[in-house]
Amino acid sequence: MSELTKPRLSVDLSGQVALVTGAARGLGRTIAEALARCGARLACIDINTDLLSDTIAAIRSLGAEAQPWACDVTDSERVSQVVDEVVKHFGQLDILVNNAGITRDGLLIRMKDDQWDAVLNINLKGTFLCCKAVLPVMKAQSYGKVVNLASVAGKDGNANMSAYAATKAAIICLTKTLGKEMAPYNVFVNCVAPALIETEMAREMTPEQRALLTSKIPLGRLGKPEEVASVVKFLVSEEASFVTGQCYDISGGRSVY
């Protein structure tokens, strides 16, 4: 039986190092824990150090190695410093998951400049800065996997979420561009586009907002963080060895027309 036809029971990331942004809670924490269960060593970064400590403790309880770094992903110097420290500590950096993100909901005509800027800075500039710092490391070692968190809002748009939707659309196109740029160096760049997921962001919405977004999902429910993590695990694994520059919907059928 060849290596390609041997049955594989689970994703094996043993020996690999994964950096997850926005790892203190929500999708970031769930993804970090999922990668740890697959054998990866985790570098977890977030601006919320108290909650980040909880993530680290949870990962270590699984028997996996995890280290925290306090980092504002909009700070170019700090992002570069953290990536340097991660590589120095672990000796390598194989996986980057750009998860950090926020939203500031409301009609565009009522949105303040600082609200728009905050969403673009964290969601889009943060993704740009982390990719810019990490990709040279992956290029030098001729291997790497990057997964960016986009959203179906970046494809379809969501009323009252103009800044958020704009950043997610940009992340999808950035992913496609980087997939082409980094392919010659055996570095894979993909993104996932979830619909509304049961996270803190969803729980902060009004019942009316949740009901409206749920009504657009043919499966009739919100997604679970673990369902997003499962697709991320696939994209950073060797199972996705011929996949780059792609956007995977995790939307319960929302984008099926």
Protein backbone atom coordinates (compact mmCIF):
# COMPACT_ATOMS: atom_id res chain seq x y z
CA MET A 1 0.00 0.00 0.00
CA SER A 2 1.43 3.36 -1.02
CA GLU A 3 1.75 6.32 1.33
CA LEU A 4 -1.08 8.06 -0.53
CA THR A 5 -3.51 5.16 -0.12
CA LYS A 6 -2.78 4.36 3.54
CA PRO A 7 -5.77 5.25 5.74
CA ARG A 8 -5.26 8.28 7.96
CA LEU A 9 -7.27 8.56 11.13
CA SER A 10 -6.60 12.21 11.90
CA VAL A 11 -4.55 15.26 11.00
CA ASP A 12 -0.98 14.90 12.23
CA LEU A 13 0.87 18.16 12.91
CA SER A 14 3.52 16.66 15.15
CA GLY A 15 6.69 18.74 15.22
CA GLN A 16 5.09 21.76 13.60
CA VAL A 17 4.78 25.22 15.14
CA ALA A 18 1.57 27.21 14.69
CA LEU A 19 1.02 30.88 15.42
CA VAL A 20 -2.62 31.87 16.01
CA THR A 21 -3.67 35.51 16.36
CA GLY A 22 -6.64 36.52 18.46
CA ALA A 23 -6.20 33.29 20.41
CA ALA A 24 -7.62 34.52 23.72
CA ARG A 25 -11.21 33.56 22.99
CA GLY A 26 -13.76 32.52 20.39
CA LEU A 27 -12.60 31.06 17.10
CA GLY A 28 -8.96 31.77 17.84
CA ARG A 29 -8.96 29.74 21.02
CA THR A 30 -10.91 26.88 19.44
CA ILE A 31 -8.54 26.75 16.46
CA ALA A 32 -5.46 26.86 18.71
CA GLU A 33 -6.77 23.99 20.83
CA ALA A 34 -7.67 21.98 17.71
CA LEU A 35 -4.15 22.36 16.27
CA ALA A 36 -2.67 21.41 19.64
CA ARG A 37 -4.72 18.20 19.67
CA CYS A 38 -3.12 17.37 16.32
CA GLY A 39 0.36 17.65 17.84
CA ALA A 40 1.32 21.21 16.94
CA ARG A 41 3.23 23.47 19.30
CA LEU A 42 1.38 26.73 19.72
CA ALA A 43 2.40 30.37 19.76
CA CYS A 44 -0.73 32.23 20.84
CA ILE A 45 -0.97 35.99 20.53
CA ASP A 46 -3.61 38.44 21.66
CA ILE A 47 -3.94 41.87 23.21
CA ASN A 48 -6.04 40.45 26.07
CA THR A 49 -3.39 38.83 28.25
CA ASP A 50 -5.80 37.68 30.99
CA LEU A 51 -7.95 35.61 28.65
CA LEU A 52 -4.85 34.50 26.75
CA SER A 53 -3.56 32.91 29.94
CA ASP A 54 -6.72 30.78 30.04
CA THR A 55 -6.08 29.61 26.48
CA ILE A 56 -2.51 28.65 27.29
CA ALA A 57 -3.61 26.72 30.37
CA ALA A 58 -6.26 24.86 28.36
CA ILE A 59 -3.74 23.87 25.68
CA ARG A 60 -1.15 22.75 28.22
CA SER A 61 -3.80 20.63 29.92
CA LEU A 62 -3.99 18.70 26.64
CA GLY A 63 -0.31 17.86 27.01
CA ALA A 64 0.75 20.24 24.24
CA GLU A 65 3.32 23.01 24.30
CA ALA A 66 1.99 26.57 24.17
CA GLN A 67 3.52 29.98 24.77
CA PRO A 68 1.72 33.35 25.00
CA TRP A 69 2.73 36.64 23.42
CA ALA A 70 0.96 39.92 24.12
CA CYS A 71 0.62 41.69 20.79
CA ASP A 72 -1.41 44.37 19.07
CA VAL A 73 -1.57 43.14 15.47
CA THR A 74 -1.80 46.72 14.20
CA ASP A 75 1.67 47.51 15.61
CA SER A 76 4.19 46.70 12.88
CA GLU A 77 7.25 46.74 15.14
CA ARG A 78 5.62 44.58 17.79
CA VAL A 79 4.38 42.03 15.24
CA SER A 80 7.89 41.70 13.78
CA GLN A 81 9.36 41.40 17.27
CA VAL A 82 6.92 38.67 18.27
CA VAL A 83 7.56 36.64 15.11
CA ASP A 84 11.31 36.88 15.74
CA GLU A 85 10.80 35.72 19.33
CA VAL A 86 8.56 32.83 18.24
CA VAL A 87 11.14 31.60 15.73
CA LYS A 88 13.92 31.97 18.29
CA HIS A 89 11.94 30.04 20.92
CA PHE A 90 10.68 27.19 18.73
CA GLY A 91 13.35 27.18 16.02
CA GLN A 92 10.78 27.27 13.23
CA LEU A 93 7.32 28.55 12.26
CA ASP A 94 5.20 26.38 10.01
CA ILE A 95 1.61 27.59 10.36
CA LEU A 96 0.02 31.02 10.64
CA VAL A 97 -3.69 31.49 11.36
CA ASN A 98 -4.78 35.12 11.03
CA ASN A 99 -7.88 35.16 13.20
CA ALA A 100 -7.77 38.49 15.08
CA GLY A 101 -10.73 40.64 14.12
CA ILE A 102 -13.48 42.95 15.31
CA THR A 103 -16.66 44.51 14.00
CA ARG A 104 -18.35 47.85 14.54
CA ASP A 105 -21.91 47.44 13.34
CA GLY A 106 -24.15 50.23 12.10
CA LEU A 107 -25.28 52.06 9.02
CA LEU A 108 -22.41 53.48 6.97
CA ILE A 109 -23.94 56.96 6.99
CA ARG A 110 -23.77 56.98 10.80
CA MET A 111 -20.34 55.39 11.15
CA LYS A 112 -17.57 57.47 12.66
CA ASP A 113 -14.13 57.62 11.10
CA ASP A 114 -12.49 56.01 14.13
CA GLN A 115 -14.90 53.06 13.98
CA TRP A 116 -14.10 52.44 10.31
CA ASP A 117 -10.37 52.79 10.97
CA ALA A 118 -10.43 50.39 13.93
CA VAL A 119 -12.03 47.61 11.90
CA LEU A 120 -9.72 48.07 8.91
CA ASN A 121 -6.63 48.29 11.11
CA ILE A 122 -7.26 45.11 13.09
CA ASN A 123 -8.90 42.94 10.45
CA LEU A 124 -6.99 43.91 7.32
CA LYS A 125 -3.81 45.67 8.38
CA GLY A 126 -3.30 43.07 11.12
CA THR A 127 -3.52 40.27 8.57
CA PHE A 128 -1.13 42.14 6.26
CA LEU A 129 1.43 42.76 9.01
CA CYS A 130 1.40 39.18 10.26
CA CYS A 131 1.77 37.80 6.74
CA LYS A 132 4.55 40.28 6.00
CA ALA A 133 6.46 39.17 9.12
CA VAL A 134 5.89 35.42 8.78
CA LEU A 135 6.11 34.74 5.04
CA PRO A 136 9.88 35.44 4.80
CA VAL A 137 10.43 32.80 7.49
CA MET A 138 8.34 30.27 5.59
CA LYS A 139 10.00 31.17 2.31
CA ALA A 140 13.45 30.61 3.82
CA GLN A 141 12.49 27.16 5.10
CA SER A 142 10.67 26.31 1.82
CA TYR A 143 7.48 25.39 3.62
CA GLY A 144 4.52 27.02 5.31
CA LYS A 145 0.75 27.12 5.65
CA VAL A 146 -1.24 30.31 6.13
CA VAL A 147 -4.97 30.42 6.79
CA ASN A 148 -6.72 33.78 6.91
CA LEU A 149 -10.15 34.24 8.49
CA ALA A 150 -12.51 35.88 6.03
CA SER A 151 -16.34 35.75 6.10
CA VAL A 152 -19.29 35.19 3.81
CA ALA A 153 -19.94 38.88 4.49
CA GLY A 154 -16.90 39.50 2.32
CA LYS A 155 -18.69 37.79 -0.57
CA ASP A 156 -22.32 38.75 -0.09
CA GLY A 157 -22.14 41.83 2.10
CA ASN A 158 -24.11 42.27 5.32
CA ALA A 159 -26.28 45.29 6.00
CA ASN A 160 -24.97 47.38 8.90
CA MET A 161 -21.54 45.73 8.63
CA SER A 162 -19.90 47.74 5.86
CA ALA A 163 -16.44 48.03 7.43
CA TYR A 164 -16.35 44.37 8.46
CA ALA A 165 -17.56 43.16 5.06
CA ALA A 166 -15.05 45.37 3.27
CA THR A 167 -12.13 43.95 5.25
CA LYS A 168 -13.24 40.38 4.68
CA ALA A 169 -13.59 40.95 0.93
CA ALA A 170 -10.08 42.38 0.91
CA ILE A 171 -8.75 39.39 2.87
CA ILE A 172 -10.20 37.01 0.27
CA CYS A 173 -8.41 38.85 -2.55
CA LEU A 174 -5.22 39.19 -0.49
CA THR A 175 -5.29 35.42 0.05
CA LYS A 176 -5.61 34.73 -3.68
CA THR A 177 -2.74 37.09 -4.43
CA LEU A 178 -0.44 35.65 -1.77
CA GLY A 179 -1.31 32.12 -2.90
CA LYS A 180 0.10 33.00 -6.32
CA GLU A 181 3.11 34.88 -4.95
CA MET A 182 4.19 32.19 -2.49
CA ALA A 183 3.46 29.05 -4.52
CA PRO A 184 7.00 28.86 -5.97
CA TYR A 185 8.36 28.62 -2.42
CA ASN A 186 6.08 25.77 -1.26
CA VAL A 187 4.13 28.14 0.95
CA PHE A 188 0.36 27.69 0.86
CA VAL A 189 -2.06 30.54 1.56
CA ASN A 190 -5.81 29.94 1.89
CA CYS A 191 -8.74 31.42 3.74
CA VAL A 192 -12.03 30.33 5.23
CA ALA A 193 -15.30 32.25 5.01
CA PRO A 194 -17.66 31.35 7.84
CA ALA A 195 -21.24 32.49 8.17
CA LEU A 196 -22.36 33.52 11.65
CA ILE A 197 -20.64 31.31 14.24
CA GLU A 198 -21.56 30.82 17.90
CA THR A 199 -18.87 33.06 19.38
CA GLU A 200 -18.76 36.11 21.63
CA MET A 201 -19.25 38.29 18.54
CA ALA A 202 -22.53 36.54 17.76
CA ARG A 203 -23.70 36.67 21.35
CA GLU A 204 -23.14 40.42 21.40
CA MET A 205 -25.61 40.89 18.55
CA THR A 206 -29.23 41.78 19.11
CA PRO A 207 -31.80 38.98 18.77
CA GLU A 208 -33.01 40.67 15.59
CA GLN A 209 -29.52 40.67 14.05
CA ARG A 210 -28.97 36.99 14.92
CA ALA A 211 -32.37 36.04 13.53
CA LEU A 212 -31.77 37.88 10.27
CA LEU A 213 -28.37 36.29 9.67
CA THR A 214 -29.61 32.84 10.70
CA SER A 215 -32.52 33.15 8.25
CA LYS A 216 -29.99 33.34 5.40
CA ILE A 217 -28.44 29.96 6.30
CA PRO A 218 -30.20 27.00 4.62
CA LEU A 219 -29.19 24.64 7.44
CA GLY A 220 -31.17 26.90 9.75
CA ARG A 221 -28.62 27.33 12.51
CA LEU A 222 -25.40 29.08 13.42
CA GLY A 223 -22.10 27.35 12.91
CA LYS A 224 -19.97 25.97 15.71
CA PRO A 225 -16.37 27.09 16.31
CA GLU A 226 -15.26 23.47 16.05
CA GLU A 227 -16.69 23.27 12.53
CA VAL A 228 -14.47 26.16 11.45
CA ALA A 229 -11.47 24.61 13.20
CA SER A 230 -11.98 21.36 11.28
CA VAL A 231 -11.58 23.11 7.93
CA VAL A 232 -8.56 25.04 9.19
CA LYS A 233 -6.99 21.74 10.27
CA PHE A 234 -7.47 20.38 6.76
CA LEU A 235 -5.92 23.43 5.12
CA VAL A 236 -2.77 23.33 7.29
CA SER A 237 -2.35 19.58 6.85
CA GLU A 238 -0.64 17.55 4.16
CA GLU A 239 -4.12 16.54 2.97
CA ALA A 240 -4.28 20.00 1.34
CA SER A 241 -1.00 19.60 -0.50
CA PHE A 242 -2.46 20.86 -3.82
CA VAL A 243 -4.61 23.67 -2.44
CA THR A 244 -3.56 27.31 -2.38
CA GLY A 245 -5.11 30.70 -3.03
CA GLN A 246 -8.57 29.35 -2.20
CA CYS A 247 -11.48 30.50 -0.05
CA TYR A 248 -13.47 27.76 1.67
CA ASP A 249 -17.03 28.61 2.71
CA ILE A 250 -18.19 27.34 6.09
CA SER A 251 -21.64 28.79 5.82
CA GLY A 252 -24.29 26.11 6.18
CA GLY A 253 -25.19 26.62 2.55
CA ARG A 254 -25.61 30.40 2.70
CA SER A 255 -23.53 30.92 -0.42
CA VAL A 256 -25.34 28.25 -2.45
CA TYR A 257 -27.43 29.93 -5.14
